[in-house]
N, C-alpha and C. Protein backbone atom coordinates (compact mmCIF):
# COMPACT_ATOMS: atom_id res chain seq x y z
N MET A 1 12.87 7.87 -39.22
CA MET A 1 13.70 7.37 -38.13
C MET A 1 13.40 8.17 -36.87
N GLU A 2 12.92 7.52 -35.84
CA GLU A 2 12.60 8.18 -34.58
C GLU A 2 13.70 7.86 -33.57
N HIS A 3 14.44 8.88 -33.19
CA HIS A 3 15.55 8.66 -32.26
C HIS A 3 15.36 9.40 -30.95
N GLY A 4 14.43 10.34 -30.91
CA GLY A 4 14.14 11.06 -29.67
C GLY A 4 15.11 12.18 -29.34
N LEU A 5 16.07 12.46 -30.22
CA LEU A 5 17.02 13.52 -29.96
C LEU A 5 16.49 14.84 -30.49
N VAL A 6 16.51 15.84 -29.63
CA VAL A 6 16.09 17.19 -30.00
C VAL A 6 17.11 18.15 -29.39
N PRO A 7 17.20 19.37 -29.94
CA PRO A 7 18.09 20.34 -29.32
C PRO A 7 17.79 20.48 -27.83
N GLY A 8 18.85 20.44 -27.05
CA GLY A 8 18.72 20.51 -25.59
C GLY A 8 18.84 19.16 -24.91
N SER A 9 18.70 18.06 -25.68
CA SER A 9 18.84 16.72 -25.10
C SER A 9 20.27 16.52 -24.60
N PHE A 10 20.42 15.78 -23.52
CA PHE A 10 21.73 15.43 -23.00
C PHE A 10 22.09 14.02 -23.45
N VAL A 11 23.29 13.86 -23.99
CA VAL A 11 23.70 12.59 -24.60
C VAL A 11 25.11 12.20 -24.17
N VAL A 12 25.41 10.92 -24.36
CA VAL A 12 26.78 10.44 -24.22
C VAL A 12 27.14 9.68 -25.49
N HIS A 13 28.41 9.74 -25.85
CA HIS A 13 28.92 9.00 -27.01
C HIS A 13 29.36 7.64 -26.48
N PRO A 14 28.77 6.55 -26.97
CA PRO A 14 29.06 5.22 -26.41
C PRO A 14 30.52 4.79 -26.54
N ASP A 15 31.23 5.31 -27.53
CA ASP A 15 32.63 4.93 -27.73
C ASP A 15 33.62 5.93 -27.13
N GLN A 16 33.10 7.04 -26.61
CA GLN A 16 33.96 8.10 -26.07
C GLN A 16 33.43 8.59 -24.71
N PRO A 17 33.34 7.74 -23.71
CA PRO A 17 32.79 8.18 -22.43
C PRO A 17 33.60 9.29 -21.76
N ASP A 18 34.87 9.42 -22.12
CA ASP A 18 35.70 10.47 -21.53
C ASP A 18 35.33 11.86 -22.03
N TRP A 19 34.49 11.95 -23.07
CA TRP A 19 34.01 13.25 -23.54
C TRP A 19 33.02 13.87 -22.56
N GLY A 20 32.43 13.06 -21.69
CA GLY A 20 31.44 13.55 -20.75
C GLY A 20 30.04 13.59 -21.36
N VAL A 21 29.15 14.28 -20.67
CA VAL A 21 27.77 14.40 -21.12
C VAL A 21 27.66 15.63 -22.01
N GLY A 22 27.21 15.40 -23.25
CA GLY A 22 27.06 16.49 -24.20
C GLY A 22 25.62 16.95 -24.32
N GLN A 23 25.47 18.14 -24.90
CA GLN A 23 24.14 18.67 -25.14
C GLN A 23 23.95 18.86 -26.63
N VAL A 24 22.83 18.33 -27.14
CA VAL A 24 22.51 18.43 -28.55
C VAL A 24 22.22 19.88 -28.90
N GLN A 25 22.88 20.36 -29.96
CA GLN A 25 22.67 21.72 -30.45
C GLN A 25 21.70 21.75 -31.62
N SER A 26 21.82 20.74 -32.53
CA SER A 26 20.92 20.68 -33.68
C SER A 26 20.82 19.25 -34.17
N VAL A 27 19.70 18.99 -34.86
CA VAL A 27 19.45 17.68 -35.46
C VAL A 27 18.93 17.92 -36.87
N VAL A 28 19.65 17.39 -37.88
CA VAL A 28 19.23 17.50 -39.27
C VAL A 28 19.35 16.10 -39.86
N GLY A 29 18.22 15.44 -39.99
CA GLY A 29 18.23 14.06 -40.47
C GLY A 29 18.98 13.17 -39.48
N THR A 30 20.04 12.53 -39.94
CA THR A 30 20.83 11.67 -39.06
C THR A 30 22.08 12.37 -38.54
N LYS A 31 22.24 13.66 -38.88
CA LYS A 31 23.40 14.42 -38.40
C LYS A 31 23.02 15.20 -37.14
N VAL A 32 23.73 14.91 -36.07
CA VAL A 32 23.48 15.57 -34.79
C VAL A 32 24.73 16.35 -34.40
N THR A 33 24.55 17.62 -34.10
CA THR A 33 25.65 18.43 -33.58
C THR A 33 25.46 18.51 -32.08
N ALA A 34 26.50 18.10 -31.35
CA ALA A 34 26.44 18.13 -29.89
C ALA A 34 27.70 18.77 -29.35
N ASN A 35 27.57 19.42 -28.22
CA ASN A 35 28.69 20.09 -27.57
C ASN A 35 29.05 19.29 -26.32
N PHE A 36 30.27 18.74 -26.29
CA PHE A 36 30.75 17.94 -25.17
C PHE A 36 31.77 18.74 -24.37
N PRO A 37 31.72 18.67 -23.03
CA PRO A 37 32.63 19.47 -22.22
C PRO A 37 34.11 19.15 -22.44
N GLU A 38 34.44 17.91 -22.75
CA GLU A 38 35.84 17.53 -22.92
C GLU A 38 36.27 17.39 -24.38
N GLN A 39 35.37 17.66 -25.33
CA GLN A 39 35.71 17.51 -26.75
C GLN A 39 35.30 18.72 -27.57
N GLY A 40 34.33 19.47 -27.09
CA GLY A 40 33.83 20.60 -27.85
C GLY A 40 32.70 20.19 -28.78
N LYS A 41 32.48 20.99 -29.82
CA LYS A 41 31.38 20.74 -30.76
C LYS A 41 31.76 19.64 -31.73
N VAL A 42 30.87 18.65 -31.87
CA VAL A 42 31.11 17.50 -32.73
C VAL A 42 29.85 17.23 -33.54
N VAL A 43 30.02 16.92 -34.83
CA VAL A 43 28.90 16.48 -35.67
C VAL A 43 28.99 14.97 -35.80
N ILE A 44 27.92 14.28 -35.44
CA ILE A 44 27.90 12.82 -35.42
C ILE A 44 26.75 12.32 -36.28
N ASN A 45 27.06 11.35 -37.14
CA ASN A 45 26.03 10.69 -37.93
C ASN A 45 25.49 9.55 -37.06
N ILE A 46 24.28 9.71 -36.55
CA ILE A 46 23.74 8.71 -35.62
C ILE A 46 23.32 7.42 -36.31
N ALA A 47 23.35 7.40 -37.65
CA ALA A 47 23.13 6.14 -38.36
C ALA A 47 24.36 5.25 -38.23
N VAL A 48 25.51 5.87 -37.96
CA VAL A 48 26.77 5.14 -37.80
C VAL A 48 27.10 4.94 -36.33
N VAL A 49 26.97 6.01 -35.54
CA VAL A 49 27.25 5.97 -34.10
C VAL A 49 26.02 6.48 -33.36
N PRO A 50 25.17 5.57 -32.88
CA PRO A 50 23.98 6.02 -32.16
C PRO A 50 24.34 6.57 -30.79
N LEU A 51 24.03 7.84 -30.59
CA LEU A 51 24.25 8.45 -29.28
C LEU A 51 23.25 7.90 -28.29
N GLU A 52 23.63 7.91 -27.01
CA GLU A 52 22.74 7.44 -25.96
C GLU A 52 22.27 8.63 -25.14
N LEU A 53 20.98 8.64 -24.83
CA LEU A 53 20.46 9.69 -23.96
C LEU A 53 21.06 9.51 -22.58
N ALA A 54 21.47 10.62 -21.97
CA ALA A 54 22.01 10.60 -20.61
C ALA A 54 20.83 10.57 -19.65
N ASP A 55 20.91 9.74 -18.66
CA ASP A 55 19.82 9.58 -17.70
C ASP A 55 19.83 10.69 -16.66
N GLY A 56 19.12 11.77 -16.97
CA GLY A 56 18.95 12.84 -16.00
C GLY A 56 20.21 13.61 -15.67
N GLU A 57 21.26 13.45 -16.48
CA GLU A 57 22.50 14.14 -16.20
C GLU A 57 22.49 15.52 -16.84
N THR A 58 23.28 16.42 -16.28
CA THR A 58 23.43 17.75 -16.84
C THR A 58 24.90 18.00 -17.13
N ILE A 59 25.16 18.99 -17.94
CA ILE A 59 26.53 19.31 -18.31
C ILE A 59 27.23 20.04 -17.17
N ASP A 60 28.44 19.64 -16.88
CA ASP A 60 29.27 20.32 -15.88
C ASP A 60 30.33 21.12 -16.61
N TRP A 61 30.00 22.36 -17.01
CA TRP A 61 30.95 23.19 -17.73
C TRP A 61 31.90 23.76 -16.74
């Protein structure tokens, strides 16, 4: 499965836009750990909820 997510990638959760732009911390198979400014660290199974790459955005901590 090629998803293009690597540690350091900036992502948004399609169902939780209020979380802001998160940064991927780790990727293990389909499990992605990302840190979101308004939610904190979250582990997401991208086979269930595909994260979207943020277009050139950076985290505003």
